[in-house]
Amino acid sequence: MRRIPTLFASLVFASFGLTQLAAQTPVWTQFANAPSGTTPRFDNISFVDETNGFVARATGGIFKTTDGGKTFTLSRSSTGAYPGTNLTAHFRSIAFASPTRGWAGNLGPGSYDATVTDTNILFETIDGGTTWTVKPGFPETGMKGLCAFHVLDAQHIYGGGRVRGPAYFIKSVDGGTNWTVTNLTAAGVLGGIMDVYF
């Protein structure tokens, strides 16, 4: 009787075991203490390390975790009190270049979320989400909303929006201090944009 080499038998068993594991259906669950529900929805997430992260939750605001998602606190409400009025933003995108410096993009009025009244496009924090300020100048270029970010490194940040147009591309090469804005719809390139990656 011929014996099967031990190594071969081990590989067959390991292969069978992996097949059985692959056949199992994964179960998705929400973090127990995350902002709950499907409305408003989770639009984007950005973790700067294993414990510190942020969630852009549409008109629910921006939430922060400092314990890897075990708990979340409201970092910025979607409703902002501006002189003489309250406006509602839809936080569609969020990205961080460091634990303290990050950006959040507003979908802006006139798209699919009729509750949005805030025309400010880009919000910035330099203190890890304790305070958020508006970066001016984007609506003046004709940009209506910001749906995506990609942080290549601490200096190079890219963004795009909006999903239902018009399509604009933004870029910073100095860590978010200054931004260039390109109208891709006017250039005949895209009618809408919802993601950016380099």
C-alpha atoms as a PDB file:
ATOM      1  CA  MET A   1       0.000   0.000   0.000  1.00  0.00           C
ATOM      2  CA  ARG A   2       1.341   3.383  -1.011  1.00  0.00           C
ATOM      3  CA  ARG A   3       1.442   6.121   1.667  1.00  0.00           C
ATOM      4  CA  ILE A   4       0.408   9.696   0.871  1.00  0.00           C
ATOM      5  CA  PRO A   5       3.221  12.053   1.800  1.00  0.00           C
ATOM      6  CA  THR A   6       2.435  13.965   4.987  1.00  0.00           C
ATOM      7  CA  LEU A   7       2.956  17.355   3.365  1.00  0.00           C
ATOM      8  CA  PHE A   8       0.494  16.522   0.562  1.00  0.00           C
ATOM      9  CA  ALA A   9      -2.109  15.290   3.060  1.00  0.00           C
ATOM     10  CA  SER A  10      -1.689  18.480   5.106  1.00  0.00           C
ATOM     11  CA  LEU A  11      -2.191  20.662   2.017  1.00  0.00           C
ATOM     12  CA  VAL A  12      -5.344  18.767   1.020  1.00  0.00           C
ATOM     13  CA  PHE A  13      -6.760  19.163   4.532  1.00  0.00           C
ATOM     14  CA  ALA A  14      -5.827  22.868   4.635  1.00  0.00           C
ATOM     15  CA  SER A  15      -7.403  23.417   1.229  1.00  0.00           C
ATOM     16  CA  PHE A  16     -10.614  21.677   2.355  1.00  0.00           C
ATOM     17  CA  GLY A  17     -10.671  23.787   5.524  1.00  0.00           C
ATOM     18  CA  LEU A  18     -10.268  27.033   3.538  1.00  0.00           C
ATOM     19  CA  THR A  19     -13.062  25.993   1.185  1.00  0.00           C
ATOM     20  CA  GLN A  20     -15.360  25.440   4.143  1.00  0.00           C
ATOM     21  CA  LEU A  21     -14.447  28.839   5.618  1.00  0.00           C
ATOM     22  CA  ALA A  22     -14.978  30.580   2.284  1.00  0.00           C
ATOM     23  CA  ALA A  23     -18.470  29.097   2.038  1.00  0.00           C
ATOM     24  CA  GLN A  24     -19.588  30.817   5.239  1.00  0.00           C
ATOM     25  CA  THR A  25     -21.700  33.924   4.808  1.00  0.00           C
ATOM     26  CA  PRO A  26     -20.120  36.987   6.452  1.00  0.00           C
ATOM     27  CA  VAL A  27     -22.268  38.808   8.958  1.00  0.00           C
ATOM     28  CA  TRP A  28     -22.178  42.599   8.945  1.00  0.00           C
ATOM     29  CA  THR A  29     -23.157  44.499  12.058  1.00  0.00           C
ATOM     30  CA  GLN A  30     -22.990  48.106  13.072  1.00  0.00           C
ATOM     31  CA  PHE A  31     -20.738  49.171  15.949  1.00  0.00           C
ATOM     32  CA  ALA A  32     -22.920  49.072  19.063  1.00  0.00           C
ATOM     33  CA  ASN A  33     -22.363  52.735  19.966  1.00  0.00           C
ATOM     34  CA  ALA A  34     -22.148  54.213  16.465  1.00  0.00           C
ATOM     35  CA  PRO A  35     -24.668  56.827  15.385  1.00  0.00           C
ATOM     36  CA  SER A  36     -27.581  54.555  14.524  1.00  0.00           C
ATOM     37  CA  GLY A  37     -30.092  54.131  11.768  1.00  0.00           C
ATOM     38  CA  THR A  38     -29.977  54.376   8.017  1.00  0.00           C
ATOM     39  CA  THR A  39     -31.389  57.922   7.868  1.00  0.00           C
ATOM     40  CA  PRO A  40     -29.437  60.063   7.728  1.00  0.00           C
ATOM     41  CA  ARG A  41     -26.980  57.755   6.122  1.00  0.00           C
ATOM     42  CA  PHE A  42     -23.254  57.252   6.587  1.00  0.00           C
ATOM     43  CA  ASP A  43     -21.702  58.988   3.585  1.00  0.00           C
ATOM     44  CA  ASN A  44     -17.975  58.682   4.311  1.00  0.00           C
ATOM     45  CA  ILE A  45     -15.431  57.625   6.917  1.00  0.00           C
ATOM     46  CA  SER A  46     -11.815  58.582   7.590  1.00  0.00           C
ATOM     47  CA  PHE A  47      -9.508  56.997  10.153  1.00  0.00           C
ATOM     48  CA  VAL A  48      -6.143  58.624  10.859  1.00  0.00           C
ATOM     49  CA  ASP A  49      -4.906  55.634  12.865  1.00  0.00           C
ATOM     50  CA  GLU A  50      -6.339  52.550  14.602  1.00  0.00           C
ATOM     51  CA  THR A  51      -8.229  54.545  17.230  1.00  0.00           C
ATOM     52  CA  ASN A  52      -9.025  58.011  15.823  1.00  0.00           C
ATOM     53  CA  GLY A  53     -11.623  58.349  13.115  1.00  0.00           C
ATOM     54  CA  PHE A  54     -14.425  60.482  11.743  1.00  0.00           C
ATOM     55  CA  VAL A  55     -17.751  59.737  10.067  1.00  0.00           C
ATOM     56  CA  ALA A  56     -19.574  62.097   7.697  1.00  0.00           C
ATOM     57  CA  ARG A  57     -23.212  61.345   8.372  1.00  0.00           C
ATOM     58  CA  ALA A  58     -25.122  63.445   5.833  1.00  0.00           C
ATOM     59  CA  THR A  59     -27.452  65.863   7.667  1.00  0.00           C
ATOM     60  CA  GLY A  60     -26.666  64.053  10.928  1.00  0.00           C
ATOM     61  CA  GLY A  61     -23.307  65.830  11.233  1.00  0.00           C
ATOM     62  CA  ILE A  62     -19.716  64.746  11.695  1.00  0.00           C
ATOM     63  CA  PHE A  63     -18.961  62.172  14.397  1.00  0.00           C
ATOM     64  CA  LYS A  64     -15.613  61.332  15.975  1.00  0.00           C
ATOM     65  CA  THR A  65     -14.245  58.222  17.672  1.00  0.00           C
ATOM     66  CA  THR A  66     -11.053  58.084  19.733  1.00  0.00           C
ATOM     67  CA  ASP A  67     -11.357  54.419  20.742  1.00  0.00           C
ATOM     68  CA  GLY A  68     -11.486  52.595  17.423  1.00  0.00           C
ATOM     69  CA  GLY A  69     -15.255  52.867  17.016  1.00  0.00           C
ATOM     70  CA  LYS A  70     -16.395  51.753  20.463  1.00  0.00           C
ATOM     71  CA  THR A  71     -17.917  55.188  21.082  1.00  0.00           C
ATOM     72  CA  PHE A  72     -18.684  58.213  18.915  1.00  0.00           C
ATOM     73  CA  THR A  73     -19.307  61.858  19.780  1.00  0.00           C
ATOM     74  CA  LEU A  74     -20.749  64.636  17.643  1.00  0.00           C
ATOM     75  CA  SER A  75     -17.846  66.693  16.301  1.00  0.00           C
ATOM     76  CA  ARG A  76     -19.923  69.138  14.235  1.00  0.00           C
ATOM     77  CA  SER A  77     -23.627  69.467  13.717  1.00  0.00           C
ATOM     78  CA  SER A  78     -24.957  69.776  10.176  1.00  0.00           C
ATOM     79  CA  THR A  79     -26.874  72.837  11.281  1.00  0.00           C
ATOM     80  CA  GLY A  80     -24.665  75.884  11.460  1.00  0.00           C
ATOM     81  CA  ALA A  81     -25.669  79.174  13.030  1.00  0.00           C
ATOM     82  CA  TYR A  82     -24.549  81.923  10.685  1.00  0.00           C
ATOM     83  CA  PRO A  83     -25.324  85.616  11.169  1.00  0.00           C
ATOM     84  CA  GLY A  84     -29.086  85.939  10.943  1.00  0.00           C
ATOM     85  CA  THR A  85     -29.878  82.345   9.973  1.00  0.00           C
ATOM     86  CA  ASN A  86     -29.348  78.637  10.538  1.00  0.00           C
ATOM     87  CA  LEU A  87     -28.258  76.597   7.533  1.00  0.00           C
ATOM     88  CA  THR A  88     -28.186  72.827   7.065  1.00  0.00           C
ATOM     89  CA  ALA A  89     -25.235  71.072   5.424  1.00  0.00           C
ATOM     90  CA  HIS A  90     -25.118  67.500   4.091  1.00  0.00           C
ATOM     91  CA  PHE A  91     -21.664  66.186   4.961  1.00  0.00           C
ATOM     92  CA  ARG A  92     -20.911  63.926   2.001  1.00  0.00           C
ATOM     93  CA  SER A  93     -17.127  63.491   2.328  1.00  0.00           C
ATOM     94  CA  ILE A  94     -14.425  63.639   4.979  1.00  0.00           C
ATOM     95  CA  ALA A  95     -10.646  63.198   4.996  1.00  0.00           C
ATOM     96  CA  PHE A  96      -7.719  63.758   7.320  1.00  0.00           C
ATOM     97  CA  ALA A  97      -4.034  64.343   6.546  1.00  0.00           C
ATOM     98  CA  SER A  98      -3.021  64.110  10.213  1.00  0.00           C
ATOM     99  CA  PRO A  99      -4.728  63.568  13.571  1.00  0.00           C
ATOM    100  CA  THR A 100      -5.431  67.327  13.748  1.00  0.00           C
ATOM    101  CA  ARG A 101      -5.936  68.512  10.151  1.00  0.00           C
ATOM    102  CA  GLY A 102      -8.940  67.452   8.127  1.00  0.00           C
ATOM    103  CA  TRP A 103     -11.667  68.514   5.720  1.00  0.00           C
ATOM    104  CA  ALA A 104     -15.361  67.817   5.228  1.00  0.00           C
ATOM    105  CA  GLY A 105     -17.324  68.430   2.048  1.00  0.00           C
ATOM    106  CA  ASN A 106     -20.933  69.581   1.847  1.00  0.00           C
ATOM    107  CA  LEU A 107     -23.239  68.228  -0.883  1.00  0.00           C
ATOM    108  CA  GLY A 108     -24.797  71.688  -1.159  1.00  0.00           C
ATOM    109  CA  PRO A 109     -28.357  72.706  -2.011  1.00  0.00           C
ATOM    110  CA  GLY A 110     -30.065  71.707  -5.238  1.00  0.00           C
ATOM    111  CA  SER A 111     -28.984  68.074  -5.421  1.00  0.00           C
ATOM    112  CA  TYR A 112     -30.847  64.995  -4.173  1.00  0.00           C
ATOM    113  CA  ASP A 113     -31.169  66.168  -0.528  1.00  0.00           C
ATOM    114  CA  ALA A 114     -33.843  68.861  -0.442  1.00  0.00           C
ATOM    115  CA  THR A 115     -33.162  69.676   3.239  1.00  0.00           C
ATOM    116  CA  VAL A 116     -29.743  71.218   2.464  1.00  0.00           C
ATOM    117  CA  THR A 117     -29.565  75.018   2.616  1.00  0.00           C
ATOM    118  CA  ASP A 118     -25.864  75.651   3.387  1.00  0.00           C
ATOM    119  CA  THR A 119     -23.976  76.805   0.287  1.00  0.00           C
ATOM    120  CA  ASN A 120     -20.562  76.538   1.975  1.00  0.00           C
ATOM    121  CA  ILE A 121     -18.670  73.722   0.244  1.00  0.00           C
ATOM    122  CA  LEU A 122     -15.501  73.004   2.220  1.00  0.00           C
ATOM    123  CA  PHE A 123     -15.077  72.841   5.999  1.00  0.00           C
ATOM    124  CA  GLU A 124     -11.708  72.477   7.735  1.00  0.00           C
ATOM    125  CA  THR A 125     -10.437  71.541  11.182  1.00  0.00           C
ATOM    126  CA  ILE A 126      -6.918  72.097  12.473  1.00  0.00           C
ATOM    127  CA  ASP A 127      -7.574  70.839  16.009  1.00  0.00           C
ATOM    128  CA  GLY A 128      -8.765  67.276  15.458  1.00  0.00           C
ATOM    129  CA  GLY A 129     -12.426  68.122  14.973  1.00  0.00           C
ATOM    130  CA  THR A 130     -12.924  70.280  18.058  1.00  0.00           C
ATOM    131  CA  THR A 131     -13.774  73.226  15.805  1.00  0.00           C
ATOM    132  CA  TRP A 132     -14.643  73.417  12.112  1.00  0.00           C
ATOM    133  CA  THR A 133     -14.349  76.527   9.938  1.00  0.00           C
ATOM    134  CA  VAL A 134     -15.562  77.300   6.439  1.00  0.00           C
ATOM    135  CA  LYS A 135     -12.946  77.591   3.680  1.00  0.00           C
ATOM    136  CA  PRO A 136     -14.330  80.398   1.501  1.00  0.00           C
ATOM    137  CA  GLY A 137     -14.164  80.867  -2.249  1.00  0.00           C
ATOM    138  CA  PHE A 138     -15.587  77.643  -3.672  1.00  0.00           C
ATOM    139  CA  PRO A 139     -19.199  78.722  -4.340  1.00  0.00           C
ATOM    140  CA  GLU A 140     -17.829  81.816  -6.067  1.00  0.00           C
ATOM    141  CA  THR A 141     -16.197  79.555  -8.697  1.00  0.00           C
ATOM    142  CA  GLY A 142     -19.567  77.947  -9.443  1.00  0.00           C
ATOM    143  CA  MET A 143     -18.870  74.788  -7.432  1.00  0.00           C
ATOM    144  CA  LYS A 144     -22.108  73.446  -5.898  1.00  0.00           C
ATOM    145  CA  GLY A 145     -20.931  70.569  -3.686  1.00  0.00           C
ATOM    146  CA  LEU A 146     -18.057  68.320  -2.673  1.00  0.00           C
ATOM    147  CA  CYS A 147     -18.531  64.540  -2.718  1.00  0.00           C
ATOM    148  CA  ALA A 148     -15.033  63.044  -2.432  1.00  0.00           C
ATOM    149  CA  PHE A 149     -11.541  63.506  -1.056  1.00  0.00           C
ATOM    150  CA  HIS A 150      -8.267  61.710  -1.482  1.00  0.00           C
ATOM    151  CA  VAL A 151      -5.320  62.590   0.768  1.00  0.00           C
ATOM    152  CA  LEU A 152      -2.207  61.418  -1.045  1.00  0.00           C
ATOM    153  CA  ASP A 153       0.097  62.752   1.679  1.00  0.00           C
ATOM    154  CA  ALA A 154       0.209  65.653   4.151  1.00  0.00           C
ATOM    155  CA  GLN A 155       0.677  68.176   1.324  1.00  0.00           C
ATOM    156  CA  HIS A 156      -1.343  66.775  -1.595  1.00  0.00           C
ATOM    157  CA  ILE A 157      -5.128  66.656  -1.151  1.00  0.00           C
ATOM    158  CA  TYR A 158      -7.616  66.149  -3.975  1.00  0.00           C
ATOM    159  CA  GLY A 159     -11.390  66.451  -4.094  1.00  0.00           C
ATOM    160  CA  GLY A 160     -14.318  66.340  -6.460  1.00  0.00           C
ATOM    161  CA  GLY A 161     -17.998  67.064  -6.669  1.00  0.00           C
ATOM    162  CA  ARG A 162     -20.670  66.893  -7.159  1.00  0.00           C
ATOM    163  CA  VAL A 163     -22.406  63.645  -7.911  1.00  0.00           C
ATOM    164  CA  ARG A 164     -25.265  65.170  -9.926  1.00  0.00           C
ATOM    165  CA  GLY A 165     -23.169  67.997 -11.272  1.00  0.00           C
ATOM    166  CA  PRO A 166     -21.655  70.245 -12.050  1.00  0.00           C
ATOM    167  CA  ALA A 167     -18.328  68.413 -11.850  1.00  0.00           C
ATOM    168  CA  TYR A 168     -15.465  70.265 -10.214  1.00  0.00           C
ATOM    169  CA  PHE A 169     -11.997  69.048  -9.254  1.00  0.00           C
ATOM    170  CA  ILE A 170     -10.082  70.681  -6.394  1.00  0.00           C
ATOM    171  CA  LYS A 171      -6.431  70.289  -5.452  1.00  0.00           C
ATOM    172  CA  SER A 172      -4.095  71.494  -2.735  1.00  0.00           C
ATOM    173  CA  VAL A 173      -0.324  71.039  -2.869  1.00  0.00           C
ATOM    174  CA  ASP A 174       0.387  72.866   0.403  1.00  0.00           C
ATOM    175  CA  GLY A 175      -1.549  70.843   2.963  1.00  0.00           C
ATOM    176  CA  GLY A 176      -4.905  72.529   2.431  1.00  0.00           C
ATOM    177  CA  THR A 177      -3.807  76.154   2.815  1.00  0.00           C
ATOM    178  CA  ASN A 178      -4.528  76.997  -0.828  1.00  0.00           C
ATOM    179  CA  TRP A 179      -6.730  75.214  -3.365  1.00  0.00           C
ATOM    180  CA  THR A 180      -7.085  75.273  -7.136  1.00  0.00           C
ATOM    181  CA  VAL A 181     -10.518  74.650  -8.640  1.00  0.00           C
ATOM    182  CA  THR A 182     -11.157  73.225 -12.109  1.00  0.00           C
ATOM    183  CA  ASN A 183     -14.622  73.142 -13.706  1.00  0.00           C
ATOM    184  CA  LEU A 184     -14.691  69.771 -15.498  1.00  0.00           C
ATOM    185  CA  THR A 185     -18.242  70.303 -16.766  1.00  0.00           C
ATOM    186  CA  ALA A 186     -17.317  73.566 -18.495  1.00  0.00           C
ATOM    187  CA  ALA A 187     -14.264  71.805 -19.973  1.00  0.00           C
ATOM    188  CA  GLY A 188     -16.561  69.168 -21.506  1.00  0.00           C
ATOM    189  CA  VAL A 189     -14.974  66.347 -19.493  1.00  0.00           C
ATOM    190  CA  LEU A 190     -17.642  65.245 -16.961  1.00  0.00           C
ATOM    191  CA  GLY A 191     -21.209  66.107 -16.044  1.00  0.00           C
ATOM    192  CA  GLY A 192     -20.853  64.901 -12.433  1.00  0.00           C
ATOM    193  CA  ILE A 193     -18.220  63.415 -10.153  1.00  0.00           C
ATOM    194  CA  MET A 194     -18.500  61.416  -6.952  1.00  0.00           C
ATOM    195  CA  ASP A 195     -15.044  59.970  -6.288  1.00  0.00           C
ATOM    196  CA  VAL A 196     -11.380  60.884  -6.636  1.00  0.00           C
ATOM    197  CA  TYR A 197      -8.351  58.665  -6.230  1.00  0.00           C
ATOM    198  CA  PHE A 198      -4.646  59.057  -7.011  1.00  0.00           C
END
